[in-house]
Amino acid sequence: MPNFDKKTEEILIALEKTQEEFWNVDRATANYLNLMVKALNVQNALEIGTSNGYSAIWIAKGLKETNGKLTTIEFWDKRLDLAKENFKECGVDDIITTKLGSASDVLLDLQNEIYDFVFIDANKLEYLNYFKRIDPILKKGGVILSDNIISHAKKVQPFLDEILSRKDYQSELLNFQDGLLISRKNL
C-alpha cells in the first residue's frame, strides 16, 4: 500500500465506511488503480463515475508521482460537490478536472482529448456506450479498467461481448471484490 499522509489516510478510511452508500471500490481495487497509474506512467487519466471521490483520490495520488492529470465525470451534483471537498482535503484538486453530467454526453465533449488510462465505474447498462466513445480517445497502448464485471455480470455483458471480441484489445478479468477487467489497446 502507498504511504499516504495522515489526513489523506483518515479521509480514505472515512470514505470506506460509506462504500455501500456511494458504491465505492474496495481498498484492494483502489490500490491496484494507484499501482497501475504509477507502473504505466500515466499522463492523462479519465474516470467515469466520481461518486464521493474515493477512487479518484487513489488515482490522483498516483498521478502526482507521474506528473499526470485526471478528468472525472459524475452525474449527481451533490456527489460531485462532496468529491471536490475530498479532493481539496487530500491535496489533489490541482490535478483533477471535474465534469458534471451524463457520462455519455460528457464523453462526446471530450473527443478532442487523448487518454492513456480510463477507469469505468458508473451506470453498468451504459458500459458498451461508454466504450464506443472511449475507444477513439484512448491512445494505442492505453488501458481501460472496468469495475463490477462479476457483481453486475448481466448488465455489463454487451460491453464484455464487444471488448472481448475485439482483436485490437487484450483483456483479463481480475478477481477483485466486484470483478475488474483490465483491457489494453494494442499498438
N, C-alpha and C. Protein backbone atom coordinates (compact mmCIF):
# COMPACT_ATOMS: atom_id res chain seq x y z
N MET A 1 0.84 -1.20 0.00
CA MET A 1 0.00 0.00 0.00
C MET A 1 0.88 1.25 0.00
N PRO A 2 0.40 2.29 -0.67
CA PRO A 2 1.18 3.54 -0.66
C PRO A 2 1.20 4.17 0.72
N ASN A 3 2.17 4.99 0.94
CA ASN A 3 2.31 5.67 2.22
C ASN A 3 1.72 7.08 2.09
N PHE A 4 0.40 7.19 2.29
CA PHE A 4 -0.27 8.48 2.19
C PHE A 4 -0.06 9.29 3.47
N ASP A 5 -0.19 10.61 3.34
CA ASP A 5 -0.12 11.46 4.52
C ASP A 5 -1.30 11.14 5.44
N LYS A 6 -1.17 11.54 6.70
CA LYS A 6 -2.16 11.18 7.72
C LYS A 6 -3.57 11.67 7.36
N LYS A 7 -3.70 12.90 6.87
CA LYS A 7 -5.01 13.46 6.55
C LYS A 7 -5.68 12.67 5.43
N THR A 8 -4.92 12.34 4.38
CA THR A 8 -5.47 11.55 3.27
C THR A 8 -5.93 10.20 3.77
N GLU A 9 -5.12 9.55 4.57
CA GLU A 9 -5.47 8.22 5.09
C GLU A 9 -6.74 8.30 5.94
N GLU A 10 -6.87 9.33 6.75
CA GLU A 10 -8.09 9.49 7.56
C GLU A 10 -9.32 9.67 6.67
N ILE A 11 -9.19 10.45 5.62
CA ILE A 11 -10.31 10.68 4.70
C ILE A 11 -10.68 9.38 3.98
N LEU A 12 -9.67 8.65 3.52
CA LEU A 12 -9.94 7.39 2.82
C LEU A 12 -10.65 6.39 3.74
N ILE A 13 -10.21 6.31 4.98
CA ILE A 13 -10.85 5.39 5.94
C ILE A 13 -12.31 5.81 6.17
N ALA A 14 -12.54 7.12 6.29
CA ALA A 14 -13.92 7.60 6.47
C ALA A 14 -14.78 7.28 5.24
N LEU A 15 -14.21 7.44 4.06
CA LEU A 15 -14.95 7.14 2.84
C LEU A 15 -15.23 5.65 2.70
N GLU A 16 -14.33 4.81 3.20
CA GLU A 16 -14.55 3.36 3.13
C GLU A 16 -15.77 2.94 3.94
N LYS A 17 -16.08 3.71 4.96
CA LYS A 17 -17.27 3.41 5.77
C LYS A 17 -18.56 3.72 5.02
N THR A 18 -18.47 4.46 3.92
CA THR A 18 -19.65 4.81 3.12
C THR A 18 -19.68 4.02 1.81
N GLN A 19 -18.92 2.94 1.75
CA GLN A 19 -18.77 2.18 0.49
C GLN A 19 -20.10 1.75 -0.11
N GLU A 20 -21.00 1.23 0.69
CA GLU A 20 -22.28 0.76 0.15
C GLU A 20 -23.16 1.91 -0.32
N GLU A 21 -23.16 2.99 0.42
CA GLU A 21 -23.99 4.15 0.06
C GLU A 21 -23.51 4.82 -1.23
N PHE A 22 -22.19 4.91 -1.39
CA PHE A 22 -21.62 5.63 -2.53
C PHE A 22 -21.04 4.73 -3.61
N TRP A 23 -21.18 3.42 -3.44
CA TRP A 23 -20.73 2.44 -4.46
C TRP A 23 -19.24 2.54 -4.76
N ASN A 24 -18.45 2.82 -3.74
CA ASN A 24 -17.00 2.91 -3.93
C ASN A 24 -16.38 1.54 -4.15
N VAL A 25 -15.26 1.53 -4.82
CA VAL A 25 -14.49 0.30 -4.95
C VAL A 25 -13.90 -0.05 -3.59
N ASP A 26 -13.47 -1.30 -3.44
CA ASP A 26 -12.81 -1.70 -2.20
C ASP A 26 -11.36 -1.23 -2.22
N ARG A 27 -10.69 -1.30 -1.08
CA ARG A 27 -9.32 -0.80 -0.94
C ARG A 27 -8.34 -1.53 -1.87
N ALA A 28 -8.51 -2.82 -2.03
CA ALA A 28 -7.58 -3.57 -2.90
C ALA A 28 -7.69 -3.09 -4.34
N THR A 29 -8.91 -2.85 -4.82
CA THR A 29 -9.09 -2.35 -6.18
C THR A 29 -8.49 -0.94 -6.30
N ALA A 30 -8.74 -0.10 -5.30
CA ALA A 30 -8.20 1.26 -5.32
C ALA A 30 -6.67 1.24 -5.33
N ASN A 31 -6.09 0.38 -4.53
CA ASN A 31 -4.63 0.26 -4.50
C ASN A 31 -4.11 -0.18 -5.87
N TYR A 32 -4.82 -1.10 -6.52
CA TYR A 32 -4.41 -1.57 -7.84
C TYR A 32 -4.47 -0.43 -8.86
N LEU A 33 -5.51 0.40 -8.79
CA LEU A 33 -5.59 1.55 -9.70
C LEU A 33 -4.39 2.47 -9.51
N ASN A 34 -4.06 2.74 -8.25
CA ASN A 34 -2.91 3.59 -7.92
C ASN A 34 -1.61 2.98 -8.46
N LEU A 35 -1.47 1.70 -8.25
CA LEU A 35 -0.28 0.98 -8.71
C LEU A 35 -0.16 1.02 -10.23
N MET A 36 -1.25 0.80 -10.93
CA MET A 36 -1.24 0.80 -12.39
C MET A 36 -0.90 2.18 -12.95
N VAL A 37 -1.45 3.22 -12.34
CA VAL A 37 -1.13 4.59 -12.78
C VAL A 37 0.37 4.82 -12.73
N LYS A 38 0.99 4.39 -11.64
CA LYS A 38 2.43 4.59 -11.48
C LYS A 38 3.23 3.66 -12.40
N ALA A 39 2.83 2.40 -12.48
CA ALA A 39 3.56 1.43 -13.31
C ALA A 39 3.52 1.80 -14.79
N LEU A 40 2.39 2.35 -15.24
CA LEU A 40 2.23 2.72 -16.64
C LEU A 40 2.65 4.16 -16.93
N ASN A 41 3.09 4.88 -15.89
CA ASN A 41 3.49 6.28 -16.02
C ASN A 41 2.39 7.09 -16.72
N VAL A 42 1.18 6.96 -16.23
CA VAL A 42 0.00 7.60 -16.84
C VAL A 42 0.14 9.12 -16.79
N GLN A 43 -0.21 9.75 -17.91
CA GLN A 43 -0.16 11.20 -18.01
C GLN A 43 -1.55 11.84 -18.05
N ASN A 44 -2.51 11.17 -18.71
CA ASN A 44 -3.84 11.75 -18.86
C ASN A 44 -4.88 10.66 -18.59
N ALA A 45 -5.47 10.71 -17.41
CA ALA A 45 -6.41 9.69 -16.97
C ALA A 45 -7.84 10.23 -17.00
N LEU A 46 -8.78 9.30 -17.20
CA LEU A 46 -10.19 9.62 -17.23
C LEU A 46 -10.92 8.64 -16.33
N GLU A 47 -11.81 9.17 -15.49
CA GLU A 47 -12.63 8.32 -14.64
C GLU A 47 -14.09 8.61 -14.96
N ILE A 48 -14.86 7.54 -15.17
CA ILE A 48 -16.29 7.66 -15.40
C ILE A 48 -16.99 7.14 -14.16
N GLY A 49 -17.57 8.07 -13.39
CA GLY A 49 -18.23 7.73 -12.13
C GLY A 49 -17.41 8.18 -10.94
N THR A 50 -17.53 9.44 -10.57
CA THR A 50 -16.74 10.03 -9.48
C THR A 50 -17.25 9.62 -8.11
N SER A 51 -18.57 9.64 -7.93
CA SER A 51 -19.21 9.44 -6.64
C SER A 51 -18.64 10.42 -5.62
N ASN A 52 -18.17 9.94 -4.47
CA ASN A 52 -17.63 10.85 -3.45
C ASN A 52 -16.12 11.06 -3.59
N GLY A 53 -15.53 10.53 -4.63
CA GLY A 53 -14.13 10.80 -4.94
C GLY A 53 -13.13 9.77 -4.45
N TYR A 54 -13.60 8.67 -3.87
CA TYR A 54 -12.68 7.69 -3.28
C TYR A 54 -11.67 7.16 -4.30
N SER A 55 -12.14 6.59 -5.39
CA SER A 55 -11.19 6.02 -6.36
C SER A 55 -10.37 7.12 -7.04
N ALA A 56 -10.98 8.28 -7.27
CA ALA A 56 -10.25 9.38 -7.89
C ALA A 56 -9.07 9.83 -7.03
N ILE A 57 -9.23 9.80 -5.72
CA ILE A 57 -8.12 10.18 -4.84
C ILE A 57 -6.97 9.21 -5.02
N TRP A 58 -7.27 7.92 -5.06
CA TRP A 58 -6.22 6.92 -5.27
C TRP A 58 -5.53 7.10 -6.62
N ILE A 59 -6.32 7.34 -7.66
CA ILE A 59 -5.75 7.56 -9.00
C ILE A 59 -4.90 8.82 -8.99
N ALA A 60 -5.44 9.91 -8.43
CA ALA A 60 -4.72 11.19 -8.43
C ALA A 60 -3.43 11.14 -7.62
N LYS A 61 -3.43 10.39 -6.53
CA LYS A 61 -2.19 10.26 -5.75
C LYS A 61 -1.10 9.59 -6.59
N GLY A 62 -1.49 8.62 -7.42
CA GLY A 62 -0.54 8.02 -8.35
C GLY A 62 -0.10 9.01 -9.40
N LEU A 63 -1.04 9.81 -9.89
CA LEU A 63 -0.73 10.81 -10.92
C LEU A 63 0.20 11.90 -10.39
N LYS A 64 0.16 12.16 -9.09
CA LYS A 64 1.09 13.13 -8.51
C LYS A 64 2.53 12.67 -8.74
N GLU A 65 2.75 11.34 -8.71
CA GLU A 65 4.10 10.79 -8.93
C GLU A 65 4.49 10.79 -10.40
N THR A 66 3.51 10.72 -11.31
CA THR A 66 3.81 10.67 -12.74
C THR A 66 3.66 12.02 -13.42
N ASN A 67 3.30 13.04 -12.64
CA ASN A 67 3.03 14.38 -13.17
C ASN A 67 1.89 14.37 -14.17
N GLY A 68 0.89 13.52 -13.91
CA GLY A 68 -0.26 13.42 -14.79
C GLY A 68 -1.44 14.21 -14.27
N LYS A 69 -2.56 14.05 -14.99
CA LYS A 69 -3.78 14.75 -14.60
C LYS A 69 -4.97 13.82 -14.79
N LEU A 70 -6.07 14.15 -14.11
CA LEU A 70 -7.27 13.32 -14.13
C LEU A 70 -8.49 14.17 -14.47
N THR A 71 -9.31 13.64 -15.35
CA THR A 71 -10.63 14.19 -15.60
C THR A 71 -11.62 13.16 -15.07
N THR A 72 -12.58 13.60 -14.26
CA THR A 72 -13.55 12.67 -13.69
C THR A 72 -14.96 13.19 -13.94
N ILE A 73 -15.86 12.25 -14.27
CA ILE A 73 -17.23 12.59 -14.66
C ILE A 73 -18.21 12.02 -13.64
N GLU A 74 -19.16 12.87 -13.21
CA GLU A 74 -20.20 12.43 -12.27
C GLU A 74 -21.54 13.03 -12.67
N PHE A 75 -22.58 12.22 -12.57
CA PHE A 75 -23.93 12.63 -12.94
C PHE A 75 -24.62 13.43 -11.84
N TRP A 76 -24.38 13.08 -10.57
CA TRP A 76 -25.09 13.69 -9.44
C TRP A 76 -24.29 14.86 -8.87
N ASP A 77 -24.87 16.06 -8.90
CA ASP A 77 -24.14 17.25 -8.44
C ASP A 77 -23.77 17.19 -6.97
N LYS A 78 -24.62 16.64 -6.11
CA LYS A 78 -24.28 16.58 -4.68
C LYS A 78 -23.09 15.67 -4.43
N ARG A 79 -23.01 14.58 -5.17
CA ARG A 79 -21.85 13.69 -5.03
C ARG A 79 -20.59 14.38 -5.53
N LEU A 80 -20.70 15.09 -6.63
CA LEU A 80 -19.54 15.77 -7.17
C LEU A 80 -19.06 16.87 -6.22
N ASP A 81 -19.99 17.59 -5.60
CA ASP A 81 -19.61 18.61 -4.62
C ASP A 81 -18.85 17.98 -3.45
N LEU A 82 -19.32 16.84 -2.98
CA LEU A 82 -18.64 16.12 -1.90
C LEU A 82 -17.25 15.66 -2.36
N ALA A 83 -17.17 15.15 -3.57
CA ALA A 83 -15.87 14.71 -4.11
C ALA A 83 -14.88 15.87 -4.18
N LYS A 84 -15.34 17.01 -4.65
CA LYS A 84 -14.45 18.18 -4.75
C LYS A 84 -13.89 18.56 -3.39
N GLU A 85 -14.72 18.50 -2.35
CA GLU A 85 -14.24 18.77 -0.99
C GLU A 85 -13.16 17.76 -0.60
N ASN A 86 -13.41 16.50 -0.90
CA ASN A 86 -12.43 15.45 -0.57
C ASN A 86 -11.14 15.63 -1.35
N PHE A 87 -11.23 16.04 -2.61
CA PHE A 87 -10.02 16.27 -3.42
C PHE A 87 -9.17 17.38 -2.80
N LYS A 88 -9.83 18.44 -2.38
CA LYS A 88 -9.12 19.57 -1.78
C LYS A 88 -8.45 19.13 -0.48
N GLU A 89 -9.18 18.42 0.37
CA GLU A 89 -8.65 17.96 1.65
C GLU A 89 -7.44 17.03 1.46
N CYS A 90 -7.44 16.27 0.39
CA CYS A 90 -6.35 15.32 0.13
C CYS A 90 -5.23 15.92 -0.72
N GLY A 91 -5.37 17.17 -1.11
CA GLY A 91 -4.32 17.85 -1.86
C GLY A 91 -4.15 17.38 -3.30
N VAL A 92 -5.25 16.95 -3.93
CA VAL A 92 -5.17 16.52 -5.33
C VAL A 92 -6.06 17.34 -6.25
N ASP A 93 -6.74 18.34 -5.70
CA ASP A 93 -7.66 19.14 -6.51
C ASP A 93 -6.97 19.90 -7.63
N ASP A 94 -5.67 20.14 -7.51
CA ASP A 94 -4.95 20.89 -8.53
C ASP A 94 -4.71 20.10 -9.82
N ILE A 95 -4.88 18.77 -9.78
CA ILE A 95 -4.65 17.97 -10.99
C ILE A 95 -5.93 17.28 -11.46
N ILE A 96 -7.06 17.62 -10.84
CA ILE A 96 -8.33 16.98 -11.22
C ILE A 96 -9.27 18.01 -11.84
N THR A 97 -9.80 17.65 -13.00
CA THR A 97 -10.85 18.41 -13.64
C THR A 97 -12.13 17.61 -13.49
N THR A 98 -13.16 18.23 -12.93
CA THR A 98 -14.43 17.53 -12.74
C THR A 98 -15.41 17.96 -13.83
N LYS A 99 -16.22 17.00 -14.25
CA LYS A 99 -17.25 17.25 -15.26
C LYS A 99 -18.57 16.72 -14.70
N LEU A 100 -19.59 17.58 -14.71
CA LEU A 100 -20.91 17.20 -14.22
C LEU A 100 -21.81 16.89 -15.41
N GLY A 101 -22.48 15.74 -15.34
CA GLY A 101 -23.44 15.40 -16.38
C GLY A 101 -23.43 13.93 -16.71
N SER A 102 -24.25 13.57 -17.67
CA SER A 102 -24.30 12.20 -18.16
C SER A 102 -22.97 11.86 -18.81
N ALA A 103 -22.37 10.74 -18.41
CA ALA A 103 -21.06 10.37 -18.95
C ALA A 103 -21.11 10.24 -20.47
N SER A 104 -22.18 9.69 -20.99
CA SER A 104 -22.29 9.54 -22.45
C SER A 104 -22.22 10.90 -23.14
N ASP A 105 -22.89 11.90 -22.58
CA ASP A 105 -22.86 13.24 -23.16
C ASP A 105 -21.50 13.90 -22.97
N VAL A 106 -20.95 13.80 -21.78
CA VAL A 106 -19.65 14.43 -21.50
C VAL A 106 -18.56 13.81 -22.37
N LEU A 107 -18.63 12.51 -22.57
CA LEU A 107 -17.62 11.85 -23.43
C LEU A 107 -17.63 12.42 -24.85
N LEU A 108 -18.77 12.82 -25.33
CA LEU A 108 -18.83 13.45 -26.65
C LEU A 108 -18.07 14.77 -26.66
N ASP A 109 -18.12 15.48 -25.53
CA ASP A 109 -17.40 16.76 -25.42
C ASP A 109 -15.89 16.57 -25.29
N LEU A 110 -15.45 15.36 -24.99
CA LEU A 110 -14.02 15.09 -24.77
C LEU A 110 -13.35 14.46 -25.99
N GLN A 111 -14.00 14.48 -27.14
CA GLN A 111 -13.48 13.77 -28.31
C GLN A 111 -12.20 14.38 -28.89
N ASN A 112 -11.79 15.55 -28.41
CA ASN A 112 -10.52 16.13 -28.85
C ASN A 112 -9.37 15.81 -27.90
N GLU A 113 -9.66 15.07 -26.84
CA GLU A 113 -8.65 14.67 -25.87
C GLU A 113 -8.09 13.29 -26.23
N ILE A 114 -6.94 12.96 -25.67
CA ILE A 114 -6.37 11.62 -25.79
C ILE A 114 -6.00 11.17 -24.38
N TYR A 115 -6.47 9.99 -24.01
CA TYR A 115 -6.22 9.44 -22.68
C TYR A 115 -5.38 8.17 -22.79
N ASP A 116 -4.59 7.94 -21.75
CA ASP A 116 -3.81 6.70 -21.71
C ASP A 116 -4.27 5.76 -20.60
N PHE A 117 -5.30 6.17 -19.84
CA PHE A 117 -5.81 5.38 -18.73
C PHE A 117 -7.25 5.79 -18.49
N VAL A 118 -8.17 4.82 -18.47
CA VAL A 118 -9.58 5.10 -18.23
C VAL A 118 -10.10 4.11 -17.19
N PHE A 119 -10.81 4.62 -16.20
CA PHE A 119 -11.46 3.78 -15.20
C PHE A 119 -12.96 3.97 -15.32
N ILE A 120 -13.68 2.86 -15.57
CA ILE A 120 -15.13 2.91 -15.72
C ILE A 120 -15.79 2.30 -14.49
N ASP A 121 -16.62 3.09 -13.82
CA ASP A 121 -17.36 2.62 -12.64
C ASP A 121 -18.62 3.48 -12.50
N ALA A 122 -19.51 3.36 -13.47
CA ALA A 122 -20.73 4.17 -13.47
C ALA A 122 -21.91 3.26 -13.85
N ASN A 123 -22.88 3.79 -14.56
CA ASN A 123 -24.07 3.04 -14.94
C ASN A 123 -23.69 1.80 -15.75
N LYS A 124 -23.90 0.64 -15.16
CA LYS A 124 -23.44 -0.63 -15.75
C LYS A 124 -24.09 -0.90 -17.11
N LEU A 125 -25.35 -0.48 -17.29
CA LEU A 125 -26.04 -0.69 -18.56
C LEU A 125 -25.45 0.17 -19.68
N GLU A 126 -24.66 1.17 -19.32
CA GLU A 126 -24.07 2.08 -20.30
C GLU A 126 -22.62 1.73 -20.67
N TYR A 127 -22.05 0.68 -20.09
CA TYR A 127 -20.64 0.37 -20.33
C TYR A 127 -20.31 0.27 -21.82
N LEU A 128 -21.17 -0.39 -22.60
CA LEU A 128 -20.90 -0.53 -24.04
C LEU A 128 -20.88 0.83 -24.71
N ASN A 129 -21.84 1.68 -24.38
CA ASN A 129 -21.87 3.03 -24.94
C ASN A 129 -20.62 3.82 -24.54
N TYR A 130 -20.23 3.71 -23.27
CA TYR A 130 -19.00 4.39 -22.83
C TYR A 130 -17.82 3.91 -23.67
N PHE A 131 -17.71 2.59 -23.82
CA PHE A 131 -16.58 2.03 -24.57
C PHE A 131 -16.53 2.58 -25.99
N LYS A 132 -17.66 2.66 -26.64
CA LYS A 132 -17.69 3.16 -28.02
C LYS A 132 -17.20 4.61 -28.09
N ARG A 133 -17.39 5.37 -27.03
CA ARG A 133 -16.94 6.77 -27.01
C ARG A 133 -15.52 6.91 -26.47
N ILE A 134 -15.08 5.93 -25.71
CA ILE A 134 -13.70 5.94 -25.18
C ILE A 134 -12.70 5.48 -26.24
N ASP A 135 -13.07 4.45 -27.00
CA ASP A 135 -12.13 3.85 -27.96
C ASP A 135 -11.43 4.87 -28.85
N PRO A 136 -12.13 5.84 -29.44
CA PRO A 136 -11.44 6.80 -30.30
C PRO A 136 -10.49 7.75 -29.56
N ILE A 137 -10.68 7.91 -28.25
CA ILE A 137 -9.84 8.86 -27.50
C ILE A 137 -8.83 8.15 -26.59
N LEU A 138 -8.76 6.83 -26.70
CA LEU A 138 -7.75 6.07 -25.94
C LEU A 138 -6.56 5.83 -26.85
N LYS A 139 -5.38 6.26 -26.41
CA LYS A 139 -4.21 6.08 -27.26
C LYS A 139 -3.85 4.61 -27.36
N LYS A 140 -3.15 4.25 -28.40
CA LYS A 140 -2.66 2.88 -28.53
C LYS A 140 -1.71 2.61 -27.39
N GLY A 141 -1.85 1.46 -26.76
CA GLY A 141 -1.09 1.14 -25.57
C GLY A 141 -1.79 1.58 -24.30
N GLY A 142 -2.90 2.31 -24.43
CA GLY A 142 -3.66 2.78 -23.28
C GLY A 142 -4.47 1.65 -22.65
N VAL A 143 -4.90 1.89 -21.42
CA VAL A 143 -5.57 0.86 -20.64
C VAL A 143 -6.94 1.35 -20.17
N ILE A 144 -7.91 0.44 -20.23
CA ILE A 144 -9.24 0.66 -19.65
C ILE A 144 -9.40 -0.33 -18.51
N LEU A 145 -9.78 0.17 -17.34
CA LEU A 145 -10.11 -0.70 -16.21
C LEU A 145 -11.60 -0.53 -15.95
N SER A 146 -12.33 -1.64 -15.96
CA SER A 146 -13.78 -1.61 -15.83
C SER A 146 -14.19 -2.38 -14.58
N ASP A 147 -14.88 -1.72 -13.66
CA ASP A 147 -15.28 -2.33 -12.40
C ASP A 147 -16.65 -3.01 -12.52
N ASN A 148 -16.95 -3.86 -11.56
CA ASN A 148 -18.25 -4.53 -11.42
C ASN A 148 -18.54 -5.56 -12.51
N ILE A 149 -17.51 -6.16 -13.05
CA ILE A 149 -17.69 -7.13 -14.13
C ILE A 149 -18.29 -8.44 -13.61
N ILE A 150 -17.98 -8.80 -12.38
CA ILE A 150 -18.56 -10.01 -11.78
C ILE A 150 -19.87 -9.68 -11.07
N SER A 151 -19.87 -8.63 -10.27
CA SER A 151 -21.05 -8.29 -9.46
C SER A 151 -22.26 -7.87 -10.30
N HIS A 152 -22.02 -7.33 -11.48
CA HIS A 152 -23.11 -6.88 -12.37
C HIS A 152 -22.96 -7.53 -13.75
N ALA A 153 -22.66 -8.81 -13.75
CA ALA A 153 -22.33 -9.54 -14.98
C ALA A 153 -23.39 -9.39 -16.07
N LYS A 154 -24.65 -9.54 -15.73
CA LYS A 154 -25.69 -9.46 -16.76
C LYS A 154 -25.77 -8.06 -17.37
N LYS A 155 -25.64 -7.05 -16.54
CA LYS A 155 -25.76 -5.67 -17.04
C LYS A 155 -24.60 -5.28 -17.95
N VAL A 156 -23.40 -5.81 -17.68
CA VAL A 156 -22.23 -5.43 -18.47
C VAL A 156 -21.94 -6.41 -19.61
N GLN A 157 -22.76 -7.44 -19.77
CA GLN A 157 -22.49 -8.46 -20.79
C GLN A 157 -22.35 -7.91 -22.21
N PRO A 158 -23.20 -6.97 -22.65
CA PRO A 158 -22.99 -6.43 -24.00
C PRO A 158 -21.61 -5.79 -24.18
N PHE A 159 -21.15 -5.08 -23.15
CA PHE A 159 -19.80 -4.50 -23.18
C PHE A 159 -18.75 -5.59 -23.26
N LEU A 160 -18.89 -6.61 -22.43
CA LEU A 160 -17.94 -7.72 -22.43
C LEU A 160 -17.89 -8.40 -23.79
N ASP A 161 -19.05 -8.67 -24.36
CA ASP A 161 -19.10 -9.31 -25.67
C ASP A 161 -18.33 -8.50 -26.70
N GLU A 162 -18.48 -7.19 -26.64
CA GLU A 162 -17.80 -6.31 -27.61
C GLU A 162 -16.29 -6.28 -27.39
N ILE A 163 -15.87 -5.95 -26.18
CA ILE A 163 -14.43 -5.74 -25.96
C ILE A 163 -13.63 -7.05 -26.05
N LEU A 164 -14.24 -8.15 -25.62
CA LEU A 164 -13.53 -9.43 -25.69
C LEU A 164 -13.46 -9.98 -27.10
N SER A 165 -14.30 -9.50 -28.00
CA SER A 165 -14.26 -9.95 -29.39
C SER A 165 -13.33 -9.10 -30.24
N ARG A 166 -12.89 -7.99 -29.70
CA ARG A 166 -12.06 -7.06 -30.47
C ARG A 166 -10.62 -7.54 -30.54
N LYS A 167 -10.08 -7.60 -31.74
CA LYS A 167 -8.70 -8.04 -31.93
C LYS A 167 -7.71 -6.93 -31.54
N ASP A 168 -8.20 -5.70 -31.44
CA ASP A 168 -7.32 -4.59 -31.10
C ASP A 168 -7.26 -4.34 -29.58
N TYR A 169 -7.84 -5.25 -28.79
CA TYR A 169 -7.76 -5.16 -27.33
C TYR A 169 -7.36 -6.50 -26.75
N GLN A 170 -6.53 -6.45 -25.74
CA GLN A 170 -6.18 -7.63 -24.94
C GLN A 170 -6.74 -7.40 -23.54
N SER A 171 -7.50 -8.37 -23.03
CA SER A 171 -8.18 -8.18 -21.75
C SER A 171 -7.95 -9.35 -20.81
N GLU A 172 -8.10 -9.05 -19.52
CA GLU A 172 -8.04 -10.10 -18.48
C GLU A 172 -8.95 -9.67 -17.33
N LEU A 173 -9.75 -10.61 -16.86
CA LEU A 173 -10.61 -10.36 -15.71
C LEU A 173 -9.85 -10.67 -14.43
N LEU A 174 -9.78 -9.68 -13.55
CA LEU A 174 -9.08 -9.82 -12.29
C LEU A 174 -10.09 -10.05 -11.18
N ASN A 175 -9.78 -10.96 -10.28
CA ASN A 175 -10.73 -11.40 -9.26
C ASN A 175 -10.70 -10.50 -8.02
N PHE A 176 -10.97 -9.21 -8.23
CA PHE A 176 -11.15 -8.31 -7.11
C PHE A 176 -12.59 -8.44 -6.62
N GLN A 177 -12.93 -7.74 -5.57
CA GLN A 177 -14.23 -7.88 -4.91
C GLN A 177 -15.41 -7.94 -5.88
N ASP A 178 -15.50 -7.01 -6.82
CA ASP A 178 -16.63 -6.96 -7.75
C ASP A 178 -16.25 -7.38 -9.17
N GLY A 179 -14.99 -7.73 -9.37
CA GLY A 179 -14.50 -8.11 -10.69
C GLY A 179 -14.03 -6.88 -11.45
N LEU A 180 -12.76 -6.88 -11.81
CA LEU A 180 -12.15 -5.75 -12.52
C LEU A 180 -11.56 -6.27 -13.83
N LEU A 181 -12.03 -5.72 -14.94
CA LEU A 181 -11.50 -6.10 -16.25
C LEU A 181 -10.44 -5.10 -16.65
N ILE A 182 -9.26 -5.57 -16.98
CA ILE A 182 -8.22 -4.71 -17.50
C ILE A 182 -8.08 -5.02 -18.98
N SER A 183 -8.12 -3.97 -19.79
CA SER A 183 -8.06 -4.11 -21.24
C SER A 183 -7.05 -3.11 -21.78
N ARG A 184 -6.14 -3.61 -22.61
CA ARG A 184 -5.11 -2.76 -23.22
C ARG A 184 -5.36 -2.65 -24.71
N LYS A 185 -5.35 -1.43 -25.21
CA LYS A 185 -5.49 -1.19 -26.64
C LYS A 185 -4.15 -1.50 -27.29
N ASN A 186 -4.13 -2.44 -28.20
CA ASN A 186 -2.89 -2.88 -28.82
C ASN A 186 -2.23 -1.78 -29.64
N LEU A 187 -0.92 -1.87 -29.75
CA LEU A 187 -0.15 -0.90 -30.54
C LEU A 187 -0.37 -1.12 -32.02
